[in-house]
Protein backbone atom coordinates (compact mmCIF):
# COMPACT_ATOMS: atom_id res chain seq x y z
CA UNK A 1 0.00 0.00 0.00
CA UNK A 2 1.33 3.39 -0.99
CA UNK A 3 1.58 5.54 2.16
CA UNK A 4 1.73 9.31 1.88
CA UNK A 5 4.06 10.94 4.39
CA UNK A 6 6.43 8.00 4.75
CA UNK A 7 9.46 6.52 3.03
CA UNK A 8 8.94 3.27 1.15
CA UNK A 9 11.01 0.86 -0.88
CA UNK A 10 9.39 0.49 -4.31
CA UNK A 11 10.40 -1.00 -7.64
CA UNK A 12 10.33 0.52 -11.11
CA UNK A 13 7.29 -0.92 -12.91
CA UNK A 14 7.17 1.36 -15.96
CA UNK A 15 9.41 3.85 -17.75
CA UNK A 16 7.85 6.88 -19.46
CA UNK A 17 9.19 10.03 -21.07
CA UNK A 18 8.49 12.20 -18.02
CA UNK A 19 9.86 9.80 -15.38
CA UNK A 20 9.26 6.31 -14.01
CA UNK A 21 6.34 4.73 -12.22
CA UNK A 22 7.03 2.86 -9.00
CA UNK A 23 5.03 0.15 -7.27
CA UNK A 24 5.28 -2.54 -4.63
CA UNK A 25 5.45 -5.32 -7.23
CA UNK A 26 6.93 -5.34 -10.72
CA UNK A 27 4.03 -7.32 -12.19
CA UNK A 28 0.27 -6.74 -12.08
CA UNK A 29 0.55 -3.22 -10.68
CA UNK A 30 -2.37 -0.97 -11.64
CA UNK A 31 -2.13 2.78 -12.18
CA UNK A 32 -3.81 3.30 -8.78
CA UNK A 33 -1.08 1.19 -7.16
CA UNK A 34 1.80 3.09 -8.75
CA UNK A 35 3.34 6.50 -8.21
CA UNK A 36 5.41 8.77 -10.45
CA UNK A 37 9.03 9.67 -9.77
CA UNK A 38 9.59 12.74 -12.02
CA UNK A 39 12.29 12.55 -14.68
CA UNK A 40 14.48 15.19 -13.03
CA UNK A 41 14.90 12.88 -10.02
CA UNK A 42 15.42 9.59 -11.88
CA UNK A 43 18.98 8.29 -11.30
CA UNK A 44 21.02 7.64 -14.41
CA UNK A 45 20.81 4.05 -15.60
CA UNK A 46 17.67 3.23 -13.61
CA UNK A 47 15.63 0.49 -15.29
CA UNK A 48 12.51 -1.58 -14.80
CA UNK A 49 12.76 -3.84 -11.73
CA UNK A 50 15.26 -1.68 -9.89
CA UNK A 51 14.42 -0.81 -6.29
CA UNK A 52 14.39 2.70 -4.80
CA UNK A 53 13.56 4.15 -1.37
CA UNK A 54 11.36 7.20 -1.88
CA UNK A 55 9.18 9.58 0.11
CA UNK A 56 5.55 9.97 -0.97
CA UNK A 57 3.50 13.15 -0.82
CA UNK A 58 0.86 14.97 -2.90
CA UNK A 59 1.74 17.44 -5.65
CA UNK A 60 -0.04 20.75 -6.30
CA UNK A 61 -2.90 18.85 -7.98
CA UNK A 62 -3.24 16.43 -5.05
CA UNK A 63 -1.74 13.50 -6.95
CA UNK A 64 0.61 11.08 -5.22
CA UNK A 65 4.20 11.71 -6.21
CA UNK A 66 7.54 10.20 -5.18
CA UNK A 67 10.79 11.99 -4.41
CA UNK A 68 14.32 10.94 -3.55
CA UNK A 69 14.74 14.12 -1.53
CA UNK A 70 14.78 13.75 2.25
CA UNK A 71 12.08 15.73 4.10
CA UNK A 72 12.96 17.18 7.50
CA UNK A 73 10.38 14.93 9.16
CA UNK A 74 7.87 12.17 8.41
CA UNK A 75 4.17 11.65 9.16
CA UNK A 76 3.54 11.96 12.91
CA UNK A 77 6.98 13.48 13.47
CA UNK A 78 7.90 16.82 15.01
CA UNK A 79 10.35 19.49 13.90
CA UNK A 80 11.17 23.19 14.01
CA UNK A 81 10.59 24.67 10.54
CA UNK A 82 11.10 28.08 8.97
CA UNK A 83 8.06 30.06 7.78
CA UNK A 84 8.51 30.93 4.10
CA UNK A 85 5.40 33.04 3.63
CA UNK A 86 1.92 33.68 4.99
CA UNK A 87 -0.92 33.39 2.46
CA UNK A 88 -4.74 33.38 2.47
CA UNK A 89 -5.00 29.73 3.52
CA UNK A 90 -2.25 29.76 6.14
CA UNK A 91 1.53 29.77 6.42
CA UNK A 92 3.91 27.81 4.21
CA UNK A 93 6.91 26.12 5.79
CA UNK A 94 10.21 24.87 4.42
CA UNK A 95 10.46 21.14 5.13
CA UNK A 96 13.12 20.22 2.61
CA UNK A 97 10.92 19.38 -0.41
CA UNK A 98 10.09 21.27 -3.59
CA UNK A 99 6.50 21.85 -2.47
CA UNK A 100 6.31 23.85 0.77
CA UNK A 101 4.27 22.51 3.68
CA UNK A 102 0.99 24.21 4.64
CA UNK A 103 0.33 25.25 8.23
CA UNK A 104 -3.41 26.10 8.14
CA UNK A 105 -4.64 29.03 10.21
CA UNK A 106 -6.83 26.69 12.28
CA UNK A 107 -3.73 24.69 13.25
CA UNK A 108 -1.85 27.75 14.51
CA UNK A 109 -1.80 28.37 18.26
CA UNK A 110 -0.70 31.94 17.53
CA UNK A 111 -0.20 34.10 14.45
CA UNK A 112 3.07 33.31 12.72
CA UNK A 113 5.12 35.51 10.43
CA UNK A 114 7.50 34.94 7.53
CA UNK A 115 11.07 34.45 8.66
CA UNK A 116 10.35 32.98 12.08
CA UNK A 117 10.63 29.32 13.10
CA UNK A 118 7.78 27.24 14.47
CA UNK A 119 7.60 23.87 16.21
CA UNK A 120 5.07 21.64 14.43
CA UNK A 121 3.91 18.08 13.85
CA UNK A 122 3.12 16.51 10.47
CA UNK A 123 -0.39 15.08 9.95
CA UNK A 124 -2.85 14.10 7.21
CA UNK A 125 -5.93 16.29 6.83
CA UNK A 126 -9.38 15.02 5.82
CA UNK A 127 -8.34 15.10 2.16
CA UNK A 128 -5.22 13.01 2.86
CA UNK A 129 -2.98 16.01 2.29
CA UNK A 130 0.10 16.49 4.43
CA UNK A 131 -0.15 19.54 6.67
CA UNK A 132 1.55 20.97 9.74
CA UNK A 133 -0.01 21.70 13.13
CA UNK A 134 1.22 23.66 16.11
CA UNK A 135 -1.07 21.59 18.35
CA UNK A 136 1.68 19.06 19.01
CA UNK A 137 0.64 17.69 22.45
CA UNK A 138 -0.88 14.45 21.14
CA UNK A 139 2.16 13.73 18.96
CA UNK A 140 4.66 13.74 21.83
CA UNK A 141 5.95 10.44 23.19
CA UNK A 142 5.81 9.34 26.83
CA UNK A 143 8.57 6.71 26.83
CA UNK A 144 11.59 8.92 27.48
CA UNK A 145 14.77 7.38 28.97
CA UNK A 146 15.06 10.16 31.57
CA UNK A 147 14.82 9.94 35.35
CA UNK A 148 14.44 12.38 38.22
CA UNK A 149 17.21 15.03 38.41
CA UNK A 150 18.38 14.41 34.82
CA UNK A 151 19.01 17.61 32.87
CA UNK A 152 17.31 17.74 29.47
CA UNK A 153 16.86 20.12 26.55
CA UNK A 154 13.59 20.99 24.88
CA UNK A 155 11.41 23.44 22.97
CA UNK A 156 8.68 25.50 24.62
CA UNK A 157 5.58 24.97 22.49
CA UNK A 158 2.76 26.33 24.68
CA UNK A 159 2.32 28.50 27.77
CA UNK A 160 -0.81 28.03 29.88
CA UNK A 161 -1.92 30.28 32.74
CA UNK A 162 -3.72 27.27 34.19
CA UNK A 163 -1.13 24.49 33.84
CA UNK A 164 2.30 26.03 33.23
CA UNK A 165 4.88 25.80 30.44
CA UNK A 166 4.66 22.89 28.01
CA UNK A 167 8.03 21.62 26.75
CA UNK A 168 8.85 19.12 24.01
CA UNK A 169 11.90 17.40 25.52
CA UNK A 170 14.38 16.46 22.78
CA UNK A 171 11.57 17.66 20.47
CA UNK A 172 9.77 14.35 20.96
CA UNK A 173 8.90 13.70 24.65
CA UNK A 174 6.06 15.25 26.65
CA UNK A 175 7.15 17.59 29.46
CA UNK A 176 5.64 20.32 31.63
CA UNK A 177 7.02 23.00 33.92
CA UNK A 178 4.06 23.14 36.37
CA UNK A 179 2.54 26.53 37.09
CA UNK A 180 4.04 26.68 40.59
CA UNK A 181 7.53 26.06 39.16
CA UNK A 182 7.18 28.46 36.24
CA UNK A 183 8.62 31.57 37.86
CA UNK A 184 10.86 32.68 34.99
CA UNK A 185 10.25 34.46 31.69
CA UNK A 186 9.30 32.14 28.86
CA UNK A 187 8.61 32.44 25.14
CA UNK A 188 7.00 29.95 22.78
CA UNK A 189 9.61 28.52 20.43
CA UNK A 190 12.53 29.09 22.79
CA UNK A 191 15.04 26.36 23.55
CA UNK A 192 15.45 25.62 27.24
CA UNK A 193 17.51 23.40 29.51
CA UNK A 194 15.54 22.05 32.45
CA UNK A 195 15.73 19.47 35.22
CA UNK A 196 13.39 16.49 35.51
CA UNK A 197 11.66 16.70 38.88
CA UNK A 198 9.49 13.61 38.44
CA UNK A 199 8.40 11.00 35.92
CA UNK A 200 4.64 10.48 36.10
CA UNK A 201 2.96 7.10 35.91
CA UNK A 202 1.91 7.84 32.32
CA UNK A 203 5.53 8.62 31.37
CA UNK A 204 5.14 12.38 31.07
CA UNK A 205 7.88 14.50 32.61
CA UNK A 206 7.51 17.20 35.25
CA UNK A 207 10.26 19.78 34.80
CA UNK A 208 11.88 22.75 36.47
CA UNK A 209 14.34 25.35 35.21
CA UNK A 210 15.63 25.74 38.76
CA UNK A 211 18.32 23.82 40.63
CA UNK A 212 17.60 21.40 43.48
CA UNK A 213 16.13 23.31 46.42
CA UNK A 214 19.28 23.24 48.53
CA UNK A 215 21.36 24.66 45.65
CA UNK A 216 18.72 27.06 44.37
CA UNK A 217 18.07 28.44 47.85
CA UNK A 218 21.60 29.85 48.05
CA UNK A 219 21.29 31.36 44.58
CA UNK A 220 17.95 32.96 45.45
CA UNK A 221 19.31 34.27 48.76
CA UNK A 222 22.28 35.85 47.00
CA UNK A 223 19.97 37.43 44.42
CA UNK A 224 17.76 38.90 47.17
CA UNK A 225 20.80 40.45 48.84
CA UNK A 226 21.95 41.96 45.53
CA UNK A 227 18.50 43.44 44.81
CA UNK A 228 18.34 44.85 48.36
CA UNK A 229 21.71 46.58 47.98
CA UNK A 230 21.39 47.69 44.34
CA UNK A 231 17.81 48.98 44.29
CA UNK A 232 16.74 49.58 47.89
CA UNK A 233 19.82 50.63 49.82
CA UNK A 234 19.75 47.49 51.92
CA UNK A 235 16.08 47.65 53.05
CA UNK A 236 13.20 46.01 51.18
CA UNK A 237 9.96 48.00 51.65
CA UNK A 238 7.92 44.86 52.33
CA UNK A 239 7.96 41.87 54.65
CA UNK A 240 7.44 38.12 54.17
CA UNK A 241 3.71 38.58 53.47
CA UNK A 242 4.39 40.40 50.21
CA UNK A 243 2.30 39.25 47.24
CA UNK A 244 3.57 36.56 44.81
CA UNK A 245 3.24 39.10 41.98
CA UNK A 246 5.69 41.55 43.58
CA UNK A 247 8.12 38.72 44.36
CA UNK A 248 8.07 37.52 40.76
CA UNK A 249 8.48 41.07 39.46
CA UNK A 250 11.39 41.89 41.78
CA UNK A 251 13.23 38.57 41.91
CA UNK A 252 11.75 36.31 39.21
CA UNK A 253 11.04 33.54 41.74
CA UNK A 254 8.00 31.99 43.40
CA UNK A 255 6.76 33.02 46.85
CA UNK A 256 7.74 29.60 48.25
CA UNK A 257 11.29 30.06 46.93
CA UNK A 258 11.37 33.60 48.36
CA UNK A 259 10.37 32.41 51.82
CA UNK A 260 13.00 29.66 51.76
CA UNK A 261 15.71 32.11 50.75
CA UNK A 262 14.65 34.72 53.33
CA UNK A 263 14.66 32.01 55.97
CA UNK A 264 18.19 31.08 54.91
CA UNK A 265 19.35 34.68 55.23
CA UNK A 266 17.65 35.07 58.62
CA UNK A 267 19.31 31.94 60.01
CA UNK A 268 22.67 33.26 58.82
CA UNK A 269 21.89 36.54 60.68
CA UNK A 270 22.24 38.56 57.49
CA UNK A 271 18.79 40.20 57.65
CA UNK A 272 16.20 41.47 60.09
CA UNK A 273 12.52 40.90 59.30
CA UNK A 274 9.63 43.13 60.36
CA UNK A 275 6.03 43.27 59.23
CA UNK A 276 6.70 45.91 56.56
CA UNK A 277 10.39 45.54 55.72
CA UNK A 278 13.40 43.27 55.42
CA UNK A 279 16.71 44.90 56.36
CA UNK A 280 20.24 43.83 55.54
CA UNK A 281 22.56 43.59 58.57
CA UNK A 282 26.12 42.39 59.04
CA UNK A 283 27.06 43.68 55.59
CA UNK A 284 30.65 42.62 56.04
CA UNK A 285 29.52 38.99 56.39
CA UNK A 286 29.03 37.02 53.17
CA UNK A 287 26.39 34.38 52.59
CA UNK A 288 27.93 30.97 53.15
CA UNK A 289 26.73 27.40 52.85
CA UNK A 290 25.73 25.64 56.02
């Protein structure tokens, strides 16, 4: 069976002036069971019965066609592709073939522009045409080899106020920076290195872009001291009950992380805490690890 969107090994069943027809069997292959490899791609000396590995897709008239060119990804795969142009039906992406790949407007999670790169999956639409989608969640795998505390790389493909930051680990595995861990600044399409905090029963990965708590706490404490000295002359104009929004704006961390770091500084006798302020003391004493 000829499968659009995949590579197949086929044999030459017929030679014509404008190319060769390929099929699964050399004999008794009907026109519906064969596909054209255009003349410009036919290797020199190719003859009937020879075998070729080709990729199948639809041409501009929605006819199956074979190519020896290697697409960037196959059906069901994921990749970051460049936007060539935006037209009336959607955006067209460069995926390594002569015919650009359509990213329909309804498959865009945000408006895209020519020149940018987007992370997409390859699927077949209702007319069996190959198209791209930015709704990649269902195409991500859940059988990663990673374990807790492994560091991994991925692409941010969606940001949710409700759930957090969705990351395609290695551009193929399903990962999430939960809302409570997502204290940084994120952008869809950005590459990010994160730490696996847990592997769920379904195989999906919980992630964090922060160090282990004991390491991160020292970093956060040092950052709080620097902000106090640089912007507030050593006295923060708020206490521990400050809102999470102000903490994120000032320090880029969660309220839980802020409280841990402030507690660290207090135990080291580097700050004094009151209801409406946090004051730096013992300025000649540096933060040190316990």
